[in-house]
């Protein structure tokens, strides 16, 4: 299936979806958002990583920040925090540069490495976009964690790619329906910036937006 540009979803939403389908829908379907310390720290880290004025080449390594990526077959668009092009005989040509190059996406995250797959899925989706854009293989990338100041190498396995495709298909269906899933609260809810909006009683109505609108009407004199 080939998606139209107007139907593209935000690539970054894949991480939200993998963490919690309801969180993703509250943000990307209903347009709700709330900040906490974690989101603020993450935003500052990404702001530095996306500084497009910082583009440099050192030998066989070209580094670009905030590079736009997209995929018509996945129906997503977004940015790579850092995109490295590494000189490689199995790579592709780049306009204005000699030699052959292989894309290597690097995603910046606050905190440290996590057991869950959310970060790795987002990075893999970036790689799949790059493969479609450049018509080349992107076998691996890296996650850079702000707390440890170290990179975690991620291999883009067939299993990880299948998860990305499956989740994005589900996201497109939910987005088209305008549906916010119901989920069971977990320990992870305590760290969510939307915990004050995603309350148990919200599960009993159509959407969080409808609840907020109803609450506002009740407060009116």
C-alpha atoms as a PDB file:
ATOM      1  CA  UNK A   1       0.000   0.000   0.000  1.00  0.00           C
ATOM      2  CA  UNK A   2       1.196   3.532  -0.808  1.00  0.00           C
ATOM      3  CA  UNK A   3      -0.015   6.329   1.465  1.00  0.00           C
ATOM      4  CA  UNK A   4      -0.643   9.901   0.410  1.00  0.00           C
ATOM      5  CA  UNK A   5       1.471  12.564   2.107  1.00  0.00           C
ATOM      6  CA  UNK A   6      -1.597  14.061   3.798  1.00  0.00           C
ATOM      7  CA  UNK A   7      -2.176  10.678   5.466  1.00  0.00           C
ATOM      8  CA  UNK A   8       1.342  10.323   6.885  1.00  0.00           C
ATOM      9  CA  UNK A   9       1.664   9.771  10.622  1.00  0.00           C
ATOM     10  CA  UNK A  10       4.443  11.184  12.765  1.00  0.00           C
ATOM     11  CA  UNK A  11       7.326   8.750  12.923  1.00  0.00           C
ATOM     12  CA  UNK A  12       8.038   9.745  16.526  1.00  0.00           C
ATOM     13  CA  UNK A  13       4.561   8.509  17.446  1.00  0.00           C
ATOM     14  CA  UNK A  14       5.755   4.929  17.031  1.00  0.00           C
ATOM     15  CA  UNK A  15       7.655   5.209  20.317  1.00  0.00           C
ATOM     16  CA  UNK A  16       4.520   6.501  22.070  1.00  0.00           C
ATOM     17  CA  UNK A  17       2.463   3.695  20.549  1.00  0.00           C
ATOM     18  CA  UNK A  18       4.927   1.002  21.632  1.00  0.00           C
ATOM     19  CA  UNK A  19       4.974   2.444  25.159  1.00  0.00           C
ATOM     20  CA  UNK A  20       1.184   2.808  25.429  1.00  0.00           C
ATOM     21  CA  UNK A  21      -1.443   2.790  22.698  1.00  0.00           C
ATOM     22  CA  UNK A  22      -3.705   5.069  24.731  1.00  0.00           C
ATOM     23  CA  UNK A  23      -0.903   7.605  25.260  1.00  0.00           C
ATOM     24  CA  UNK A  24      -0.280   7.660  21.512  1.00  0.00           C
ATOM     25  CA  UNK A  25      -3.961   8.249  20.747  1.00  0.00           C
ATOM     26  CA  UNK A  26      -4.309  10.997  23.365  1.00  0.00           C
ATOM     27  CA  UNK A  27      -1.386  12.834  21.749  1.00  0.00           C
ATOM     28  CA  UNK A  28      -1.753  12.072  18.056  1.00  0.00           C
ATOM     29  CA  UNK A  29      -5.488  11.493  17.644  1.00  0.00           C
ATOM     30  CA  UNK A  30      -6.975  13.823  20.283  1.00  0.00           C
ATOM     31  CA  UNK A  31      -4.193  16.420  20.244  1.00  0.00           C
ATOM     32  CA  UNK A  32      -3.592  16.439  24.001  1.00  0.00           C
ATOM     33  CA  UNK A  33      -0.215  17.116  25.601  1.00  0.00           C
ATOM     34  CA  UNK A  34       1.265  17.859  29.011  1.00  0.00           C
ATOM     35  CA  UNK A  35       4.834  18.486  30.085  1.00  0.00           C
ATOM     36  CA  UNK A  36       6.775  16.982  32.960  1.00  0.00           C
ATOM     37  CA  UNK A  37      10.467  16.856  33.842  1.00  0.00           C
ATOM     38  CA  UNK A  38      11.082  13.885  31.574  1.00  0.00           C
ATOM     39  CA  UNK A  39       9.501  15.472  28.495  1.00  0.00           C
ATOM     40  CA  UNK A  40      11.276  18.786  29.121  1.00  0.00           C
ATOM     41  CA  UNK A  41      14.674  17.121  29.451  1.00  0.00           C
ATOM     42  CA  UNK A  42      13.981  15.093  26.312  1.00  0.00           C
ATOM     43  CA  UNK A  43      12.953  18.194  24.360  1.00  0.00           C
ATOM     44  CA  UNK A  44      16.168  20.014  25.314  1.00  0.00           C
ATOM     45  CA  UNK A  45      18.268  17.014  24.301  1.00  0.00           C
ATOM     46  CA  UNK A  46      16.522  16.803  20.911  1.00  0.00           C
ATOM     47  CA  UNK A  47      16.791  20.567  20.369  1.00  0.00           C
ATOM     48  CA  UNK A  48      20.561  20.330  20.544  1.00  0.00           C
ATOM     49  CA  UNK A  49      20.628  17.232  18.351  1.00  0.00           C
ATOM     50  CA  UNK A  50      18.438  18.923  15.699  1.00  0.00           C
ATOM     51  CA  UNK A  51      20.696  21.956  15.264  1.00  0.00           C
ATOM     52  CA  UNK A  52      20.890  21.951  11.467  1.00  0.00           C
ATOM     53  CA  UNK A  53      23.767  24.430  11.535  1.00  0.00           C
ATOM     54  CA  UNK A  54      25.960  21.622  12.812  1.00  0.00           C
ATOM     55  CA  UNK A  55      26.904  19.681   9.696  1.00  0.00           C
ATOM     56  CA  UNK A  56      30.389  18.340   9.396  1.00  0.00           C
ATOM     57  CA  UNK A  57      32.541  15.926   7.453  1.00  0.00           C
ATOM     58  CA  UNK A  58      35.563  14.149   8.814  1.00  0.00           C
ATOM     59  CA  UNK A  59      37.125  11.883   6.247  1.00  0.00           C
ATOM     60  CA  UNK A  60      34.691   9.084   5.469  1.00  0.00           C
ATOM     61  CA  UNK A  61      32.112  10.315   7.986  1.00  0.00           C
ATOM     62  CA  UNK A  62      29.489  12.933   7.105  1.00  0.00           C
ATOM     63  CA  UNK A  63      27.187  14.046   9.957  1.00  0.00           C
ATOM     64  CA  UNK A  64      23.845  15.783   9.373  1.00  0.00           C
ATOM     65  CA  UNK A  65      21.414  16.862  12.112  1.00  0.00           C
ATOM     66  CA  UNK A  66      17.646  17.055  11.913  1.00  0.00           C
ATOM     67  CA  UNK A  67      17.481  15.253   8.545  1.00  0.00           C
ATOM     68  CA  UNK A  68      13.924  14.797   7.237  1.00  0.00           C
ATOM     69  CA  UNK A  69      12.879  11.224   6.378  1.00  0.00           C
ATOM     70  CA  UNK A  70       9.666   9.690   5.085  1.00  0.00           C
ATOM     71  CA  UNK A  71       8.194   6.519   3.635  1.00  0.00           C
ATOM     72  CA  UNK A  72       5.161   6.283   1.310  1.00  0.00           C
ATOM     73  CA  UNK A  73       4.866   2.536   1.951  1.00  0.00           C
ATOM     74  CA  UNK A  74       4.808   2.957   5.748  1.00  0.00           C
ATOM     75  CA  UNK A  75       2.909   6.231   5.678  1.00  0.00           C
ATOM     76  CA  UNK A  76       5.182   8.117   8.074  1.00  0.00           C
ATOM     77  CA  UNK A  77       7.463  11.151   8.129  1.00  0.00           C
ATOM     78  CA  UNK A  78       9.808  12.637  10.690  1.00  0.00           C
ATOM     79  CA  UNK A  79      13.393  13.520  11.450  1.00  0.00           C
ATOM     80  CA  UNK A  80      16.601  11.772  12.414  1.00  0.00           C
ATOM     81  CA  UNK A  81      18.249  13.452  15.391  1.00  0.00           C
ATOM     82  CA  UNK A  82      21.624  12.689  13.850  1.00  0.00           C
ATOM     83  CA  UNK A  83      22.182  11.044  10.483  1.00  0.00           C
ATOM     84  CA  UNK A  84      25.660   9.793   9.721  1.00  0.00           C
ATOM     85  CA  UNK A  85      26.733   8.825   6.231  1.00  0.00           C
ATOM     86  CA  UNK A  86      29.672   6.450   6.367  1.00  0.00           C
ATOM     87  CA  UNK A  87      31.971   5.758   3.464  1.00  0.00           C
ATOM     88  CA  UNK A  88      31.330   2.194   2.278  1.00  0.00           C
ATOM     89  CA  UNK A  89      31.880   0.381  -1.050  1.00  0.00           C
ATOM     90  CA  UNK A  90      28.367  -1.087  -0.687  1.00  0.00           C
ATOM     91  CA  UNK A  91      26.766   2.326  -0.257  1.00  0.00           C
ATOM     92  CA  UNK A  92      25.049   4.802  -2.572  1.00  0.00           C
ATOM     93  CA  UNK A  93      26.096   8.071  -4.179  1.00  0.00           C
ATOM     94  CA  UNK A  94      25.265  11.431  -2.584  1.00  0.00           C
ATOM     95  CA  UNK A  95      24.852  14.648  -4.534  1.00  0.00           C
ATOM     96  CA  UNK A  96      27.999  16.743  -4.450  1.00  0.00           C
ATOM     97  CA  UNK A  97      30.142  14.084  -2.796  1.00  0.00           C
ATOM     98  CA  UNK A  98      32.609  11.567  -4.178  1.00  0.00           C
ATOM     99  CA  UNK A  99      32.508   7.917  -3.181  1.00  0.00           C
ATOM    100  CA  UNK A 100      29.750   5.687  -1.833  1.00  0.00           C
ATOM    101  CA  UNK A 101      27.931   6.159   1.464  1.00  0.00           C
ATOM    102  CA  UNK A 102      25.718   4.133   3.820  1.00  0.00           C
ATOM    103  CA  UNK A 103      23.172   5.938   6.064  1.00  0.00           C
ATOM    104  CA  UNK A 104      23.499   5.357   9.816  1.00  0.00           C
ATOM    105  CA  UNK A 105      20.706   6.885  11.955  1.00  0.00           C
ATOM    106  CA  UNK A 106      21.410   7.953  15.547  1.00  0.00           C
ATOM    107  CA  UNK A 107      18.520   8.755  17.896  1.00  0.00           C
ATOM    108  CA  UNK A 108      19.055  10.772  21.091  1.00  0.00           C
ATOM    109  CA  UNK A 109      17.155   9.736  24.231  1.00  0.00           C
ATOM    110  CA  UNK A 110      17.152  11.001  27.792  1.00  0.00           C
ATOM    111  CA  UNK A 111      17.918   8.582  30.617  1.00  0.00           C
ATOM    112  CA  UNK A 112      19.511   5.210  29.985  1.00  0.00           C
ATOM    113  CA  UNK A 113      18.892   2.078  27.923  1.00  0.00           C
ATOM    114  CA  UNK A 114      15.481   0.479  28.461  1.00  0.00           C
ATOM    115  CA  UNK A 115      14.286  -3.111  28.343  1.00  0.00           C
ATOM    116  CA  UNK A 116      11.237  -2.284  26.241  1.00  0.00           C
ATOM    117  CA  UNK A 117      11.478  -2.074  22.423  1.00  0.00           C
ATOM    118  CA  UNK A 118       9.997   1.430  21.967  1.00  0.00           C
ATOM    119  CA  UNK A 119      13.269   3.273  21.302  1.00  0.00           C
ATOM    120  CA  UNK A 120      14.573   0.542  19.004  1.00  0.00           C
ATOM    121  CA  UNK A 121      11.344   0.465  17.009  1.00  0.00           C
ATOM    122  CA  UNK A 122      11.503   4.222  16.397  1.00  0.00           C
ATOM    123  CA  UNK A 123      15.112   3.964  15.233  1.00  0.00           C
ATOM    124  CA  UNK A 124      14.281   1.012  12.983  1.00  0.00           C
ATOM    125  CA  UNK A 125      11.457   2.998  11.377  1.00  0.00           C
ATOM    126  CA  UNK A 126      13.952   5.750  10.558  1.00  0.00           C
ATOM    127  CA  UNK A 127      16.203   3.165   8.914  1.00  0.00           C
ATOM    128  CA  UNK A 128      13.322   1.761   6.883  1.00  0.00           C
ATOM    129  CA  UNK A 129      12.538   5.282   5.642  1.00  0.00           C
ATOM    130  CA  UNK A 130      16.178   5.795   4.673  1.00  0.00           C
ATOM    131  CA  UNK A 131      16.235   2.488   2.806  1.00  0.00           C
ATOM    132  CA  UNK A 132      13.205   3.542   0.795  1.00  0.00           C
ATOM    133  CA  UNK A 133      14.626   7.009   0.106  1.00  0.00           C
ATOM    134  CA  UNK A 134      18.104   5.835  -0.909  1.00  0.00           C
ATOM    135  CA  UNK A 135      17.300   2.379  -2.304  1.00  0.00           C
ATOM    136  CA  UNK A 136      19.969   0.788  -0.144  1.00  0.00           C
ATOM    137  CA  UNK A 137      20.309  -1.443   2.897  1.00  0.00           C
ATOM    138  CA  UNK A 138      20.630   0.151   6.348  1.00  0.00           C
ATOM    139  CA  UNK A 139      21.629  -2.739   8.628  1.00  0.00           C
ATOM    140  CA  UNK A 140      22.162  -0.874  11.892  1.00  0.00           C
ATOM    141  CA  UNK A 141      22.028   2.409  13.797  1.00  0.00           C
ATOM    142  CA  UNK A 142      22.521   3.634  17.339  1.00  0.00           C
ATOM    143  CA  UNK A 143      20.658   5.036  20.347  1.00  0.00           C
ATOM    144  CA  UNK A 144      22.518   7.695  22.338  1.00  0.00           C
ATOM    145  CA  UNK A 145      21.370   7.999  25.946  1.00  0.00           C
ATOM    146  CA  UNK A 146      21.860  11.311  27.739  1.00  0.00           C
ATOM    147  CA  UNK A 147      22.341   9.822  31.213  1.00  0.00           C
ATOM    148  CA  UNK A 148      25.077   7.349  30.315  1.00  0.00           C
ATOM    149  CA  UNK A 149      26.488   9.430  27.434  1.00  0.00           C
ATOM    150  CA  UNK A 150      26.997   6.233  25.474  1.00  0.00           C
ATOM    151  CA  UNK A 151      25.698   4.697  22.272  1.00  0.00           C
ATOM    152  CA  UNK A 152      23.775   1.465  22.074  1.00  0.00           C
ATOM    153  CA  UNK A 153      24.167  -0.263  18.704  1.00  0.00           C
ATOM    154  CA  UNK A 154      20.885  -1.559  17.266  1.00  0.00           C
ATOM    155  CA  UNK A 155      20.750  -4.191  14.539  1.00  0.00           C
ATOM    156  CA  UNK A 156      17.645  -3.919  12.377  1.00  0.00           C
ATOM    157  CA  UNK A 157      16.547  -7.551  12.369  1.00  0.00           C
ATOM    158  CA  UNK A 158      13.666  -9.009  10.370  1.00  0.00           C
ATOM    159  CA  UNK A 159      11.718  -9.356  13.637  1.00  0.00           C
ATOM    160  CA  UNK A 160      12.187  -5.683  14.526  1.00  0.00           C
ATOM    161  CA  UNK A 161      11.171  -4.595  11.019  1.00  0.00           C
ATOM    162  CA  UNK A 162       8.048  -6.778  11.165  1.00  0.00           C
ATOM    163  CA  UNK A 163       7.076  -5.157  14.481  1.00  0.00           C
ATOM    164  CA  UNK A 164       7.455  -1.701  12.961  1.00  0.00           C
ATOM    165  CA  UNK A 165       5.255  -2.565   9.973  1.00  0.00           C
ATOM    166  CA  UNK A 166       2.599  -4.243  12.135  1.00  0.00           C
ATOM    167  CA  UNK A 167       2.378  -1.376  14.623  1.00  0.00           C
ATOM    168  CA  UNK A 168       2.210   1.279  11.923  1.00  0.00           C
ATOM    169  CA  UNK A 169      -0.625  -0.573  10.209  1.00  0.00           C
ATOM    170  CA  UNK A 170      -2.545  -0.607  13.493  1.00  0.00           C
ATOM    171  CA  UNK A 171      -1.783   3.081  14.070  1.00  0.00           C
ATOM    172  CA  UNK A 172      -3.180   4.023  10.656  1.00  0.00           C
ATOM    173  CA  UNK A 173      -6.407   2.115  11.358  1.00  0.00           C
ATOM    174  CA  UNK A 174      -6.883   3.765  14.758  1.00  0.00           C
ATOM    175  CA  UNK A 175      -6.055   7.212  13.405  1.00  0.00           C
ATOM    176  CA  UNK A 176      -8.488   6.852  10.508  1.00  0.00           C
ATOM    177  CA  UNK A 177     -11.222   5.768  12.925  1.00  0.00           C
ATOM    178  CA  UNK A 178     -10.331   8.524  15.406  1.00  0.00           C
ATOM    179  CA  UNK A 179     -10.311   5.859  18.095  1.00  0.00           C
ATOM    180  CA  UNK A 180      -8.604   6.085  21.497  1.00  0.00           C
ATOM    181  CA  UNK A 181      -7.964   2.571  22.875  1.00  0.00           C
ATOM    182  CA  UNK A 182      -8.671   1.604  26.447  1.00  0.00           C
ATOM    183  CA  UNK A 183      -5.750   0.096  28.335  1.00  0.00           C
ATOM    184  CA  UNK A 184      -5.178  -1.255  31.826  1.00  0.00           C
ATOM    185  CA  UNK A 185      -3.134   1.030  34.107  1.00  0.00           C
ATOM    186  CA  UNK A 186       0.416  -0.187  34.846  1.00  0.00           C
ATOM    187  CA  UNK A 187       3.372   0.958  36.928  1.00  0.00           C
ATOM    188  CA  UNK A 188       4.611   2.865  33.858  1.00  0.00           C
ATOM    189  CA  UNK A 189       1.638   5.237  34.141  1.00  0.00           C
ATOM    190  CA  UNK A 190       3.339   7.036  37.025  1.00  0.00           C
ATOM    191  CA  UNK A 191       6.042   8.350  34.675  1.00  0.00           C
ATOM    192  CA  UNK A 192       3.613   9.468  31.954  1.00  0.00           C
ATOM    193  CA  UNK A 193       3.163  13.208  31.481  1.00  0.00           C
ATOM    194  CA  UNK A 194      -0.502  12.581  30.589  1.00  0.00           C
ATOM    195  CA  UNK A 195      -1.405  10.749  33.810  1.00  0.00           C
ATOM    196  CA  UNK A 196      -3.611  13.648  34.952  1.00  0.00           C
ATOM    197  CA  UNK A 197      -5.552  13.518  31.668  1.00  0.00           C
ATOM    198  CA  UNK A 198      -5.653   9.741  31.305  1.00  0.00           C
ATOM    199  CA  UNK A 199      -7.815   8.915  34.358  1.00  0.00           C
ATOM    200  CA  UNK A 200      -9.893   5.751  34.972  1.00  0.00           C
ATOM    201  CA  UNK A 201     -13.164   7.639  34.523  1.00  0.00           C
ATOM    202  CA  UNK A 202     -12.007   8.726  31.071  1.00  0.00           C
ATOM    203  CA  UNK A 203     -12.252   5.084  30.047  1.00  0.00           C
ATOM    204  CA  UNK A 204     -16.040   5.243  30.384  1.00  0.00           C
ATOM    205  CA  UNK A 205     -16.574   7.996  27.823  1.00  0.00           C
ATOM    206  CA  UNK A 206     -15.878   8.393  24.147  1.00  0.00           C
ATOM    207  CA  UNK A 207     -12.655  10.390  24.476  1.00  0.00           C
ATOM    208  CA  UNK A 208     -10.535  12.478  26.814  1.00  0.00           C
ATOM    209  CA  UNK A 209     -11.377  15.526  24.704  1.00  0.00           C
ATOM    210  CA  UNK A 210     -15.085  14.933  25.305  1.00  0.00           C
ATOM    211  CA  UNK A 211     -14.480  14.608  29.047  1.00  0.00           C
ATOM    212  CA  UNK A 212     -12.540  17.875  29.201  1.00  0.00           C
ATOM    213  CA  UNK A 213     -15.230  19.665  27.196  1.00  0.00           C
ATOM    214  CA  UNK A 214     -17.926  18.298  29.527  1.00  0.00           C
ATOM    215  CA  UNK A 215     -15.959  19.324  32.627  1.00  0.00           C
ATOM    216  CA  UNK A 216     -15.559  22.843  31.227  1.00  0.00           C
ATOM    217  CA  UNK A 217     -19.289  23.153  30.684  1.00  0.00           C
ATOM    218  CA  UNK A 218     -19.927  22.076  34.275  1.00  0.00           C
ATOM    219  CA  UNK A 219     -17.654  24.869  35.554  1.00  0.00           C
ATOM    220  CA  UNK A 220     -19.431  27.563  33.573  1.00  0.00           C
ATOM    221  CA  UNK A 221     -21.773  29.791  35.666  1.00  0.00           C
END
